[in-house]
């Protein structure tokens, strides 16, 4: 088992995934925007963005080409945002797509979120983003219970998309697309008896949805409005109890590299991360590296995924929040 970070291997892994996906990832093609974000942000965490220098403008242009722009009469304003890929057969250039719309062609809230972050990491000033249509589109995605769908045609609605909506609003410094009171109430209603937070009311507490909820509240500056001191204490206890060696997403489940970010980042937001055992966590994650192709897997000796676990470098644990804040500071 490798005991050090195989940095050069991981750089090559991310470079490959930004050019052509391995066949085992072909089902992710409709979400190339999000896969691209993992590659770009992974290289950023490894302080290796210079490997993209010759392709940077092409990547930025590709991201903008997937922006769904409003018609002259705003008849499609509810669909605006960023697509995940050209899977629907959209023309590569955004203006051509605008002139030749495809039925049910809409932006996706998660791909809008990852598109904006990718542009920021690549040094773009977001001047090409139609901010009005993006924030207006969010209003059509929010449901009566405060949650968000991912597309306007109707879809699952849960904590993941509440988080995406809050990130988008924070990045653009425009909260007109989010009814904060409803969003906060949805999060409050989703806290389970254990103290963790589920994807929605009545669902099981989960490390991923707990991060999405707490990060959304922090972005809205509503964490201590949403939960009282006793609830915060229960939340902290639930999160810190998820560490075994690495972190698990739920009680009685195996540890998994991704929860080193989801749960670790939540603990960071709650000012509790210093109570974790960093050595155990790091040791587990280093065991999940692929020494041949690079990349990290969920578990040792498994196929790596298209993401890097940010908690190897705990200073950068809140990649999303850090990148978002860079717009204002």
C-alpha atoms as a PDB file:
ATOM      1  CA  UNK A   1       0.000   0.000   0.000  1.00  0.00           C
ATOM      2  CA  UNK A   2       1.303   3.435  -0.923  1.00  0.00           C
ATOM      3  CA  UNK A   3       2.080   5.542   2.144  1.00  0.00           C
ATOM      4  CA  UNK A   4       2.610   8.798   0.269  1.00  0.00           C
ATOM      5  CA  UNK A   5       0.413  10.783  -2.075  1.00  0.00           C
ATOM      6  CA  UNK A   6       1.053   9.677  -5.675  1.00  0.00           C
ATOM      7  CA  UNK A   7       0.754  13.231  -6.968  1.00  0.00           C
ATOM      8  CA  UNK A   8       2.076  12.677 -10.507  1.00  0.00           C
ATOM      9  CA  UNK A   9      -0.222   9.692 -10.990  1.00  0.00           C
ATOM     10  CA  UNK A  10      -3.274  11.713  -9.903  1.00  0.00           C
ATOM     11  CA  UNK A  11      -2.354  14.603 -12.195  1.00  0.00           C
ATOM     12  CA  UNK A  12      -2.273  12.220 -15.161  1.00  0.00           C
ATOM     13  CA  UNK A  13      -5.573  10.673 -14.075  1.00  0.00           C
ATOM     14  CA  UNK A  14      -7.328  14.051 -14.055  1.00  0.00           C
ATOM     15  CA  UNK A  15      -5.755  15.054 -17.369  1.00  0.00           C
ATOM     16  CA  UNK A  16      -7.054  11.887 -19.011  1.00  0.00           C
ATOM     17  CA  UNK A  17     -10.566  12.358 -17.633  1.00  0.00           C
ATOM     18  CA  UNK A  18     -10.663  15.915 -19.002  1.00  0.00           C
ATOM     19  CA  UNK A  19      -9.850  14.651 -22.493  1.00  0.00           C
ATOM     20  CA  UNK A  20     -11.707  11.383 -22.888  1.00  0.00           C
ATOM     21  CA  UNK A  21     -13.586   9.337 -20.307  1.00  0.00           C
ATOM     22  CA  UNK A  22     -12.594   5.702 -19.813  1.00  0.00           C
ATOM     23  CA  UNK A  23     -15.246   3.304 -21.126  1.00  0.00           C
ATOM     24  CA  UNK A  24     -16.358   2.388 -17.612  1.00  0.00           C
ATOM     25  CA  UNK A  25     -17.476   6.017 -17.159  1.00  0.00           C
ATOM     26  CA  UNK A  26     -19.513   6.255 -20.378  1.00  0.00           C
ATOM     27  CA  UNK A  27     -22.765   6.533 -18.408  1.00  0.00           C
ATOM     28  CA  UNK A  28     -21.479   9.866 -17.061  1.00  0.00           C
ATOM     29  CA  UNK A  29     -21.246  11.501 -20.471  1.00  0.00           C
ATOM     30  CA  UNK A  30     -24.455  13.521 -20.009  1.00  0.00           C
ATOM     31  CA  UNK A  31     -22.821  15.059 -16.928  1.00  0.00           C
ATOM     32  CA  UNK A  32     -19.456  15.914 -18.468  1.00  0.00           C
ATOM     33  CA  UNK A  33     -19.648  19.364 -16.884  1.00  0.00           C
ATOM     34  CA  UNK A  34     -19.588  17.902 -13.385  1.00  0.00           C
ATOM     35  CA  UNK A  35     -16.936  15.328 -14.280  1.00  0.00           C
ATOM     36  CA  UNK A  36     -14.886  18.189 -15.726  1.00  0.00           C
ATOM     37  CA  UNK A  37     -15.222  20.119 -12.471  1.00  0.00           C
ATOM     38  CA  UNK A  38     -13.808  17.194 -10.487  1.00  0.00           C
ATOM     39  CA  UNK A  39     -10.820  17.076 -12.845  1.00  0.00           C
ATOM     40  CA  UNK A  40     -10.225  20.830 -12.833  1.00  0.00           C
ATOM     41  CA  UNK A  41     -10.661  21.236  -9.078  1.00  0.00           C
ATOM     42  CA  UNK A  42      -8.537  18.139  -8.431  1.00  0.00           C
ATOM     43  CA  UNK A  43      -5.677  19.646 -10.422  1.00  0.00           C
ATOM     44  CA  UNK A  44      -6.183  22.897  -8.539  1.00  0.00           C
ATOM     45  CA  UNK A  45      -5.900  21.068  -5.205  1.00  0.00           C
ATOM     46  CA  UNK A  46      -2.682  19.477  -6.448  1.00  0.00           C
ATOM     47  CA  UNK A  47      -1.380  22.927  -7.406  1.00  0.00           C
ATOM     48  CA  UNK A  48      -1.023  21.698 -10.984  1.00  0.00           C
ATOM     49  CA  UNK A  49      -3.378  23.818 -13.095  1.00  0.00           C
ATOM     50  CA  UNK A  50      -0.429  24.707 -15.325  1.00  0.00           C
ATOM     51  CA  UNK A  51      -0.896  21.371 -17.124  1.00  0.00           C
ATOM     52  CA  UNK A  52      -4.109  22.848 -18.580  1.00  0.00           C
ATOM     53  CA  UNK A  53      -2.504  26.082 -19.767  1.00  0.00           C
ATOM     54  CA  UNK A  54      -2.580  25.221 -23.467  1.00  0.00           C
ATOM     55  CA  UNK A  55      -6.197  24.004 -23.243  1.00  0.00           C
ATOM     56  CA  UNK A  56      -7.552  26.527 -20.741  1.00  0.00           C
ATOM     57  CA  UNK A  57      -9.279  28.812 -23.240  1.00  0.00           C
ATOM     58  CA  UNK A  58     -10.754  25.834 -25.078  1.00  0.00           C
ATOM     59  CA  UNK A  59     -12.176  24.487 -21.809  1.00  0.00           C
ATOM     60  CA  UNK A  60     -13.618  27.894 -20.891  1.00  0.00           C
ATOM     61  CA  UNK A  61     -15.205  28.190 -24.342  1.00  0.00           C
ATOM     62  CA  UNK A  62     -16.624  24.674 -24.031  1.00  0.00           C
ATOM     63  CA  UNK A  63     -18.211  25.529 -20.683  1.00  0.00           C
ATOM     64  CA  UNK A  64     -19.802  28.680 -22.085  1.00  0.00           C
ATOM     65  CA  UNK A  65     -21.023  26.763 -25.130  1.00  0.00           C
ATOM     66  CA  UNK A  66     -23.250  24.741 -22.789  1.00  0.00           C
ATOM     67  CA  UNK A  67     -24.975  27.792 -21.331  1.00  0.00           C
ATOM     68  CA  UNK A  68     -28.663  27.899 -22.227  1.00  0.00           C
ATOM     69  CA  UNK A  69     -29.479  31.537 -23.011  1.00  0.00           C
ATOM     70  CA  UNK A  70     -32.904  33.196 -22.845  1.00  0.00           C
ATOM     71  CA  UNK A  71     -34.956  33.848 -25.970  1.00  0.00           C
ATOM     72  CA  UNK A  72     -35.704  37.425 -26.928  1.00  0.00           C
ATOM     73  CA  UNK A  73     -39.116  37.153 -25.267  1.00  0.00           C
ATOM     74  CA  UNK A  74     -37.817  35.213 -22.224  1.00  0.00           C
ATOM     75  CA  UNK A  75     -40.198  32.363 -23.055  1.00  0.00           C
ATOM     76  CA  UNK A  76     -37.564  29.830 -21.984  1.00  0.00           C
ATOM     77  CA  UNK A  77     -36.268  31.742 -18.955  1.00  0.00           C
ATOM     78  CA  UNK A  78     -37.299  28.870 -16.677  1.00  0.00           C
ATOM     79  CA  UNK A  79     -34.931  26.553 -18.559  1.00  0.00           C
ATOM     80  CA  UNK A  80     -31.802  28.702 -18.397  1.00  0.00           C
ATOM     81  CA  UNK A  81     -28.553  27.618 -16.795  1.00  0.00           C
ATOM     82  CA  UNK A  82     -25.806  25.260 -17.946  1.00  0.00           C
ATOM     83  CA  UNK A  83     -26.248  21.876 -19.588  1.00  0.00           C
ATOM     84  CA  UNK A  84     -24.179  18.890 -18.585  1.00  0.00           C
ATOM     85  CA  UNK A  85     -22.959  18.044 -22.084  1.00  0.00           C
ATOM     86  CA  UNK A  86     -23.953  18.019 -25.744  1.00  0.00           C
ATOM     87  CA  UNK A  87     -25.698  14.666 -25.300  1.00  0.00           C
ATOM     88  CA  UNK A  88     -28.995  16.121 -26.573  1.00  0.00           C
ATOM     89  CA  UNK A  89     -27.290  17.094 -29.819  1.00  0.00           C
ATOM     90  CA  UNK A  90     -27.050  20.821 -29.102  1.00  0.00           C
ATOM     91  CA  UNK A  91     -24.877  22.828 -31.479  1.00  0.00           C
ATOM     92  CA  UNK A  92     -21.495  23.521 -29.915  1.00  0.00           C
ATOM     93  CA  UNK A  93     -21.879  27.295 -30.052  1.00  0.00           C
ATOM     94  CA  UNK A  94     -24.419  28.740 -27.628  1.00  0.00           C
ATOM     95  CA  UNK A  95     -25.834  31.296 -30.105  1.00  0.00           C
ATOM     96  CA  UNK A  96     -26.618  28.548 -32.621  1.00  0.00           C
ATOM     97  CA  UNK A  97     -28.354  26.524 -29.911  1.00  0.00           C
ATOM     98  CA  UNK A  98     -30.425  29.607 -29.117  1.00  0.00           C
ATOM     99  CA  UNK A  99     -31.610  29.898 -32.711  1.00  0.00           C
ATOM    100  CA  UNK A 100     -32.396  26.190 -33.001  1.00  0.00           C
ATOM    101  CA  UNK A 101     -33.882  25.140 -29.654  1.00  0.00           C
ATOM    102  CA  UNK A 102     -34.419  21.483 -28.853  1.00  0.00           C
ATOM    103  CA  UNK A 103     -37.567  20.464 -26.917  1.00  0.00           C
ATOM    104  CA  UNK A 104     -36.928  19.741 -23.222  1.00  0.00           C
ATOM    105  CA  UNK A 105     -33.445  21.222 -23.529  1.00  0.00           C
ATOM    106  CA  UNK A 106     -32.820  22.776 -20.109  1.00  0.00           C
ATOM    107  CA  UNK A 107     -30.023  23.696 -17.802  1.00  0.00           C
ATOM    108  CA  UNK A 108     -29.359  21.467 -14.790  1.00  0.00           C
ATOM    109  CA  UNK A 109     -28.810  22.992 -11.363  1.00  0.00           C
ATOM    110  CA  UNK A 110     -25.809  20.795 -10.495  1.00  0.00           C
ATOM    111  CA  UNK A 111     -24.127  21.456 -13.830  1.00  0.00           C
ATOM    112  CA  UNK A 112     -24.762  25.187 -13.455  1.00  0.00           C
ATOM    113  CA  UNK A 113     -23.063  25.054 -10.058  1.00  0.00           C
ATOM    114  CA  UNK A 114     -20.046  23.102 -11.328  1.00  0.00           C
ATOM    115  CA  UNK A 115     -19.788  25.243 -14.475  1.00  0.00           C
ATOM    116  CA  UNK A 116     -19.505  28.425 -12.417  1.00  0.00           C
ATOM    117  CA  UNK A 117     -16.892  26.936 -10.089  1.00  0.00           C
ATOM    118  CA  UNK A 118     -14.854  25.568 -13.009  1.00  0.00           C
ATOM    119  CA  UNK A 119     -14.836  28.997 -14.668  1.00  0.00           C
ATOM    120  CA  UNK A 120     -13.638  30.618 -11.437  1.00  0.00           C
ATOM    121  CA  UNK A 121     -10.854  28.078 -10.924  1.00  0.00           C
ATOM    122  CA  UNK A 122      -9.703  28.668 -14.515  1.00  0.00           C
ATOM    123  CA  UNK A 123      -9.482  32.399 -13.827  1.00  0.00           C
ATOM    124  CA  UNK A 124     -12.571  33.507 -15.738  1.00  0.00           C
ATOM    125  CA  UNK A 125     -14.429  36.566 -14.415  1.00  0.00           C
ATOM    126  CA  UNK A 126     -17.911  35.156 -15.215  1.00  0.00           C
ATOM    127  CA  UNK A 127     -18.614  38.120 -17.499  1.00  0.00           C
ATOM    128  CA  UNK A 128     -20.059  35.709 -20.052  1.00  0.00           C
ATOM    129  CA  UNK A 129     -22.635  34.325 -17.625  1.00  0.00           C
ATOM    130  CA  UNK A 130     -26.202  35.537 -18.139  1.00  0.00           C
ATOM    131  CA  UNK A 131     -26.692  36.029 -14.407  1.00  0.00           C
ATOM    132  CA  UNK A 132     -30.269  37.300 -14.650  1.00  0.00           C
ATOM    133  CA  UNK A 133     -31.504  34.192 -16.432  1.00  0.00           C
ATOM    134  CA  UNK A 134     -29.599  31.841 -14.113  1.00  0.00           C
ATOM    135  CA  UNK A 135     -31.063  33.342 -10.936  1.00  0.00           C
ATOM    136  CA  UNK A 136     -34.521  33.648 -12.494  1.00  0.00           C
ATOM    137  CA  UNK A 137     -34.339  29.993 -13.483  1.00  0.00           C
ATOM    138  CA  UNK A 138     -33.697  29.037  -9.860  1.00  0.00           C
ATOM    139  CA  UNK A 139     -37.085  30.456  -8.856  1.00  0.00           C
ATOM    140  CA  UNK A 140     -38.812  27.942 -11.126  1.00  0.00           C
ATOM    141  CA  UNK A 141     -36.886  25.083  -9.497  1.00  0.00           C
ATOM    142  CA  UNK A 142     -37.793  25.829  -5.876  1.00  0.00           C
ATOM    143  CA  UNK A 143     -40.753  23.867  -4.538  1.00  0.00           C
ATOM    144  CA  UNK A 144     -43.406  24.845  -2.003  1.00  0.00           C
ATOM    145  CA  UNK A 145     -41.600  22.895   0.728  1.00  0.00           C
ATOM    146  CA  UNK A 146     -38.400  24.890   0.107  1.00  0.00           C
ATOM    147  CA  UNK A 147     -36.490  22.177  -1.744  1.00  0.00           C
ATOM    148  CA  UNK A 148     -35.269  22.434  -5.339  1.00  0.00           C
ATOM    149  CA  UNK A 149     -35.644  20.244  -8.402  1.00  0.00           C
ATOM    150  CA  UNK A 150     -32.650  19.889 -10.698  1.00  0.00           C
ATOM    151  CA  UNK A 151     -34.523  20.652 -13.945  1.00  0.00           C
ATOM    152  CA  UNK A 152     -37.722  22.634 -14.595  1.00  0.00           C
ATOM    153  CA  UNK A 153     -39.521  19.748 -16.287  1.00  0.00           C
ATOM    154  CA  UNK A 154     -39.808  18.075 -12.895  1.00  0.00           C
ATOM    155  CA  UNK A 155     -37.410  15.736 -11.130  1.00  0.00           C
ATOM    156  CA  UNK A 156     -36.388  14.497  -7.728  1.00  0.00           C
ATOM    157  CA  UNK A 157     -36.085  17.358  -5.249  1.00  0.00           C
ATOM    158  CA  UNK A 158     -33.825  17.110  -2.242  1.00  0.00           C
ATOM    159  CA  UNK A 159     -30.973  18.568  -0.187  1.00  0.00           C
ATOM    160  CA  UNK A 160     -28.372  18.266  -2.942  1.00  0.00           C
ATOM    161  CA  UNK A 161     -30.154  20.826  -5.050  1.00  0.00           C
ATOM    162  CA  UNK A 162     -30.806  23.170  -2.128  1.00  0.00           C
ATOM    163  CA  UNK A 163     -27.037  23.263  -1.733  1.00  0.00           C
ATOM    164  CA  UNK A 164     -26.480  23.863  -5.457  1.00  0.00           C
ATOM    165  CA  UNK A 165     -29.001  26.717  -5.468  1.00  0.00           C
ATOM    166  CA  UNK A 166     -27.285  28.363  -2.496  1.00  0.00           C
ATOM    167  CA  UNK A 167     -23.836  28.003  -4.069  1.00  0.00           C
ATOM    168  CA  UNK A 168     -25.030  29.529  -7.337  1.00  0.00           C
ATOM    169  CA  UNK A 169     -26.662  32.439  -5.512  1.00  0.00           C
ATOM    170  CA  UNK A 170     -23.589  33.032  -3.357  1.00  0.00           C
ATOM    171  CA  UNK A 171     -21.206  32.953  -6.315  1.00  0.00           C
ATOM    172  CA  UNK A 172     -23.336  35.393  -8.324  1.00  0.00           C
ATOM    173  CA  UNK A 173     -24.020  37.497  -5.218  1.00  0.00           C
ATOM    174  CA  UNK A 174     -27.718  37.434  -6.049  1.00  0.00           C
ATOM    175  CA  UNK A 175     -30.243  35.631  -3.842  1.00  0.00           C
ATOM    176  CA  UNK A 176     -33.369  36.640  -5.760  1.00  0.00           C
ATOM    177  CA  UNK A 177     -33.745  33.068  -7.010  1.00  0.00           C
ATOM    178  CA  UNK A 178     -33.963  31.548  -3.519  1.00  0.00           C
ATOM    179  CA  UNK A 179     -36.673  31.917  -0.918  1.00  0.00           C
ATOM    180  CA  UNK A 180     -34.379  31.592   2.082  1.00  0.00           C
ATOM    181  CA  UNK A 181     -37.127  31.146   4.648  1.00  0.00           C
ATOM    182  CA  UNK A 182     -38.556  28.158   2.791  1.00  0.00           C
ATOM    183  CA  UNK A 183     -35.116  26.655   2.202  1.00  0.00           C
ATOM    184  CA  UNK A 184     -34.200  26.983   5.889  1.00  0.00           C
ATOM    185  CA  UNK A 185     -37.490  25.380   6.931  1.00  0.00           C
ATOM    186  CA  UNK A 186     -36.879  22.460   4.549  1.00  0.00           C
ATOM    187  CA  UNK A 187     -33.484  21.899   6.133  1.00  0.00           C
ATOM    188  CA  UNK A 188     -34.896  22.125   9.662  1.00  0.00           C
ATOM    189  CA  UNK A 189     -37.591  19.597   8.772  1.00  0.00           C
ATOM    190  CA  UNK A 190     -34.959  17.196   7.432  1.00  0.00           C
ATOM    191  CA  UNK A 191     -33.027  16.724  10.691  1.00  0.00           C
ATOM    192  CA  UNK A 192     -33.507  13.164  11.890  1.00  0.00           C
ATOM    193  CA  UNK A 193     -33.913  11.888  15.439  1.00  0.00           C
ATOM    194  CA  UNK A 194     -30.185  11.012  15.398  1.00  0.00           C
ATOM    195  CA  UNK A 195     -29.074  14.603  14.837  1.00  0.00           C
ATOM    196  CA  UNK A 196     -27.875  14.178  11.261  1.00  0.00           C
ATOM    197  CA  UNK A 197     -29.749  15.468   8.222  1.00  0.00           C
ATOM    198  CA  UNK A 198     -31.387  13.487   5.420  1.00  0.00           C
ATOM    199  CA  UNK A 199     -32.230  14.284   1.821  1.00  0.00           C
ATOM    200  CA  UNK A 200     -35.636  15.509   2.982  1.00  0.00           C
ATOM    201  CA  UNK A 201     -38.136  15.258   5.845  1.00  0.00           C
ATOM    202  CA  UNK A 202     -38.534  11.749   7.216  1.00  0.00           C
ATOM    203  CA  UNK A 203     -35.448  10.353   5.475  1.00  0.00           C
ATOM    204  CA  UNK A 204     -32.378   8.732   6.999  1.00  0.00           C
ATOM    205  CA  UNK A 205     -29.527  10.979   8.119  1.00  0.00           C
ATOM    206  CA  UNK A 206     -26.628  10.806   5.665  1.00  0.00           C
ATOM    207  CA  UNK A 207     -23.146  12.327   5.498  1.00  0.00           C
ATOM    208  CA  UNK A 208     -23.637  13.813   2.036  1.00  0.00           C
ATOM    209  CA  UNK A 209     -26.999  15.426   2.711  1.00  0.00           C
ATOM    210  CA  UNK A 210     -25.777  16.673   6.096  1.00  0.00           C
ATOM    211  CA  UNK A 211     -22.938  18.531   4.391  1.00  0.00           C
ATOM    212  CA  UNK A 212     -25.284  19.954   1.757  1.00  0.00           C
ATOM    213  CA  UNK A 213     -27.648  21.209   4.451  1.00  0.00           C
ATOM    214  CA  UNK A 214     -25.020  22.747   6.730  1.00  0.00           C
ATOM    215  CA  UNK A 215     -23.056  24.310   3.862  1.00  0.00           C
ATOM    216  CA  UNK A 216     -26.285  25.798   2.469  1.00  0.00           C
ATOM    217  CA  UNK A 217     -27.102  27.306   5.870  1.00  0.00           C
ATOM    218  CA  UNK A 218     -23.593  28.746   6.187  1.00  0.00           C
ATOM    219  CA  UNK A 219     -23.835  30.297   2.716  1.00  0.00           C
ATOM    220  CA  UNK A 220     -27.188  31.828   3.700  1.00  0.00           C
ATOM    221  CA  UNK A 221     -25.750  32.891   7.081  1.00  0.00           C
ATOM    222  CA  UNK A 222     -28.605  31.013   8.759  1.00  0.00           C
ATOM    223  CA  UNK A 223     -26.934  28.141  10.626  1.00  0.00           C
ATOM    224  CA  UNK A 224     -27.687  29.397  14.110  1.00  0.00           C
ATOM    225  CA  UNK A 225     -31.118  30.659  13.096  1.00  0.00           C
ATOM    226  CA  UNK A 226     -32.073  27.201  11.875  1.00  0.00           C
ATOM    227  CA  UNK A 227     -30.888  25.094  14.818  1.00  0.00           C
ATOM    228  CA  UNK A 228     -30.734  25.717  18.553  1.00  0.00           C
ATOM    229  CA  UNK A 229     -27.782  24.874  20.804  1.00  0.00           C
ATOM    230  CA  UNK A 230     -29.095  21.414  21.667  1.00  0.00           C
ATOM    231  CA  UNK A 231     -29.658  20.525  17.986  1.00  0.00           C
ATOM    232  CA  UNK A 232     -26.181  21.744  17.041  1.00  0.00           C
ATOM    233  CA  UNK A 233     -24.692  19.589  19.797  1.00  0.00           C
ATOM    234  CA  UNK A 234     -26.538  16.507  18.511  1.00  0.00           C
ATOM    235  CA  UNK A 235     -25.419  17.315  14.972  1.00  0.00           C
ATOM    236  CA  UNK A 236     -21.765  17.576  16.034  1.00  0.00           C
ATOM    237  CA  UNK A 237     -21.993  14.282  17.914  1.00  0.00           C
ATOM    238  CA  UNK A 238     -23.531  12.517  14.916  1.00  0.00           C
ATOM    239  CA  UNK A 239     -20.810  13.802  12.582  1.00  0.00           C
ATOM    240  CA  UNK A 240     -17.820  13.064  14.812  1.00  0.00           C
ATOM    241  CA  UNK A 241     -19.190   9.546  15.383  1.00  0.00           C
ATOM    242  CA  UNK A 242     -18.853   8.820  11.659  1.00  0.00           C
ATOM    243  CA  UNK A 243     -15.068   8.424  11.853  1.00  0.00           C
ATOM    244  CA  UNK A 244     -13.881   4.834  12.081  1.00  0.00           C
ATOM    245  CA  UNK A 245     -10.498   5.014  10.322  1.00  0.00           C
ATOM    246  CA  UNK A 246     -11.765   7.113   7.444  1.00  0.00           C
ATOM    247  CA  UNK A 247     -15.384   8.245   7.575  1.00  0.00           C
ATOM    248  CA  UNK A 248     -18.643   6.407   6.943  1.00  0.00           C
ATOM    249  CA  UNK A 249     -21.754   8.053   5.524  1.00  0.00           C
ATOM    250  CA  UNK A 250     -24.190   6.413   7.961  1.00  0.00           C
ATOM    251  CA  UNK A 251     -24.018   4.247  11.076  1.00  0.00           C
ATOM    252  CA  UNK A 252     -23.135   0.592  10.481  1.00  0.00           C
ATOM    253  CA  UNK A 253     -21.795   1.274   6.965  1.00  0.00           C
ATOM    254  CA  UNK A 254     -18.202   0.788   5.734  1.00  0.00           C
ATOM    255  CA  UNK A 255     -15.899   3.780   5.535  1.00  0.00           C
ATOM    256  CA  UNK A 256     -15.675   5.411   2.099  1.00  0.00           C
ATOM    257  CA  UNK A 257     -13.223   8.047   0.855  1.00  0.00           C
ATOM    258  CA  UNK A 258     -15.894  10.512  -0.257  1.00  0.00           C
ATOM    259  CA  UNK A 259     -17.169  10.924   3.311  1.00  0.00           C
ATOM    260  CA  UNK A 260     -13.783  12.230   4.375  1.00  0.00           C
ATOM    261  CA  UNK A 261     -14.917  15.288   2.458  1.00  0.00           C
ATOM    262  CA  UNK A 262     -18.660  15.306   3.159  1.00  0.00           C
ATOM    263  CA  UNK A 263     -18.393  14.654   6.888  1.00  0.00           C
ATOM    264  CA  UNK A 264     -14.978  16.257   7.332  1.00  0.00           C
ATOM    265  CA  UNK A 265     -16.140  19.469   5.671  1.00  0.00           C
ATOM    266  CA  UNK A 266     -19.258  19.518   7.845  1.00  0.00           C
ATOM    267  CA  UNK A 267     -17.090  19.217  10.954  1.00  0.00           C
ATOM    268  CA  UNK A 268     -14.931  22.059   9.643  1.00  0.00           C
ATOM    269  CA  UNK A 269     -18.017  24.235   9.243  1.00  0.00           C
ATOM    270  CA  UNK A 270     -19.045  23.334  12.794  1.00  0.00           C
ATOM    271  CA  UNK A 271     -15.564  24.145  14.174  1.00  0.00           C
ATOM    272  CA  UNK A 272     -15.066  20.502  15.145  1.00  0.00           C
ATOM    273  CA  UNK A 273     -12.535  19.223  12.631  1.00  0.00           C
ATOM    274  CA  UNK A 274      -9.628  19.427  15.086  1.00  0.00           C
ATOM    275  CA  UNK A 275     -11.257  16.593  17.061  1.00  0.00           C
ATOM    276  CA  UNK A 276     -10.849  14.120  14.194  1.00  0.00           C
ATOM    277  CA  UNK A 277      -7.927  11.710  13.945  1.00  0.00           C
ATOM    278  CA  UNK A 278      -6.178  13.060  10.849  1.00  0.00           C
ATOM    279  CA  UNK A 279      -3.624  10.258  10.827  1.00  0.00           C
ATOM    280  CA  UNK A 280      -6.254   7.513  10.637  1.00  0.00           C
ATOM    281  CA  UNK A 281      -8.136   9.392   7.945  1.00  0.00           C
ATOM    282  CA  UNK A 282      -5.073  10.049   5.818  1.00  0.00           C
ATOM    283  CA  UNK A 283      -3.881   6.467   6.211  1.00  0.00           C
ATOM    284  CA  UNK A 284      -7.191   5.083   4.963  1.00  0.00           C
ATOM    285  CA  UNK A 285      -7.290   7.400   1.951  1.00  0.00           C
ATOM    286  CA  UNK A 286      -3.746   6.613   0.906  1.00  0.00           C
ATOM    287  CA  UNK A 287      -4.755   2.941   0.825  1.00  0.00           C
ATOM    288  CA  UNK A 288      -7.417   3.731  -1.797  1.00  0.00           C
ATOM    289  CA  UNK A 289      -4.991   5.233  -4.340  1.00  0.00           C
ATOM    290  CA  UNK A 290      -4.501   3.393  -7.614  1.00  0.00           C
ATOM    291  CA  UNK A 291      -0.747   3.083  -8.060  1.00  0.00           C
ATOM    292  CA  UNK A 292      -1.035   2.316 -11.796  1.00  0.00           C
ATOM    293  CA  UNK A 293      -3.626   4.740 -13.229  1.00  0.00           C
ATOM    294  CA  UNK A 294      -3.807   7.272 -10.401  1.00  0.00           C
ATOM    295  CA  UNK A 295      -7.077   8.353  -8.839  1.00  0.00           C
ATOM    296  CA  UNK A 296      -8.825   7.374  -5.627  1.00  0.00           C
ATOM    297  CA  UNK A 297     -11.432   4.656  -5.115  1.00  0.00           C
ATOM    298  CA  UNK A 298     -14.202   4.334  -2.552  1.00  0.00           C
ATOM    299  CA  UNK A 299     -12.390   1.394  -0.996  1.00  0.00           C
ATOM    300  CA  UNK A 300      -8.915  -0.173  -1.331  1.00  0.00           C
ATOM    301  CA  UNK A 301      -8.344  -2.258  -4.475  1.00  0.00           C
ATOM    302  CA  UNK A 302     -11.377  -0.822  -6.314  1.00  0.00           C
ATOM    303  CA  UNK A 303     -11.738   1.229  -9.502  1.00  0.00           C
ATOM    304  CA  UNK A 304     -10.921   4.912  -8.885  1.00  0.00           C
ATOM    305  CA  UNK A 305     -13.612   7.561  -9.281  1.00  0.00           C
ATOM    306  CA  UNK A 306     -13.403  10.892 -11.087  1.00  0.00           C
ATOM    307  CA  UNK A 307     -12.790  12.906  -7.940  1.00  0.00           C
ATOM    308  CA  UNK A 308     -10.047  13.499  -5.420  1.00  0.00           C
ATOM    309  CA  UNK A 309     -10.730  13.509  -1.693  1.00  0.00           C
ATOM    310  CA  UNK A 310      -9.890  17.054  -0.660  1.00  0.00           C
ATOM    311  CA  UNK A 311      -9.223  16.181   2.953  1.00  0.00           C
ATOM    312  CA  UNK A 312      -5.737  14.901   2.152  1.00  0.00           C
ATOM    313  CA  UNK A 313      -4.958  18.601   2.345  1.00  0.00           C
ATOM    314  CA  UNK A 314      -7.082  19.733   5.256  1.00  0.00           C
ATOM    315  CA  UNK A 315      -6.279  23.404   4.603  1.00  0.00           C
ATOM    316  CA  UNK A 316      -8.367  23.085   1.435  1.00  0.00           C
ATOM    317  CA  UNK A 317     -11.212  21.033   2.856  1.00  0.00           C
ATOM    318  CA  UNK A 318     -13.819  23.608   1.886  1.00  0.00           C
ATOM    319  CA  UNK A 319     -12.955  23.896  -1.789  1.00  0.00           C
ATOM    320  CA  UNK A 320     -16.401  25.116  -2.738  1.00  0.00           C
ATOM    321  CA  UNK A 321     -16.577  27.758  -0.037  1.00  0.00           C
ATOM    322  CA  UNK A 322     -12.984  28.938  -0.605  1.00  0.00           C
ATOM    323  CA  UNK A 323     -13.470  29.305  -4.362  1.00  0.00           C
ATOM    324  CA  UNK A 324     -16.790  31.082  -3.884  1.00  0.00           C
ATOM    325  CA  UNK A 325     -15.317  33.542  -1.384  1.00  0.00           C
ATOM    326  CA  UNK A 326     -12.549  34.420  -3.839  1.00  0.00           C
ATOM    327  CA  UNK A 327     -15.089  36.379  -5.861  1.00  0.00           C
ATOM    328  CA  UNK A 328     -15.725  38.755  -2.981  1.00  0.00           C
ATOM    329  CA  UNK A 329     -12.353  38.979  -1.258  1.00  0.00           C
END
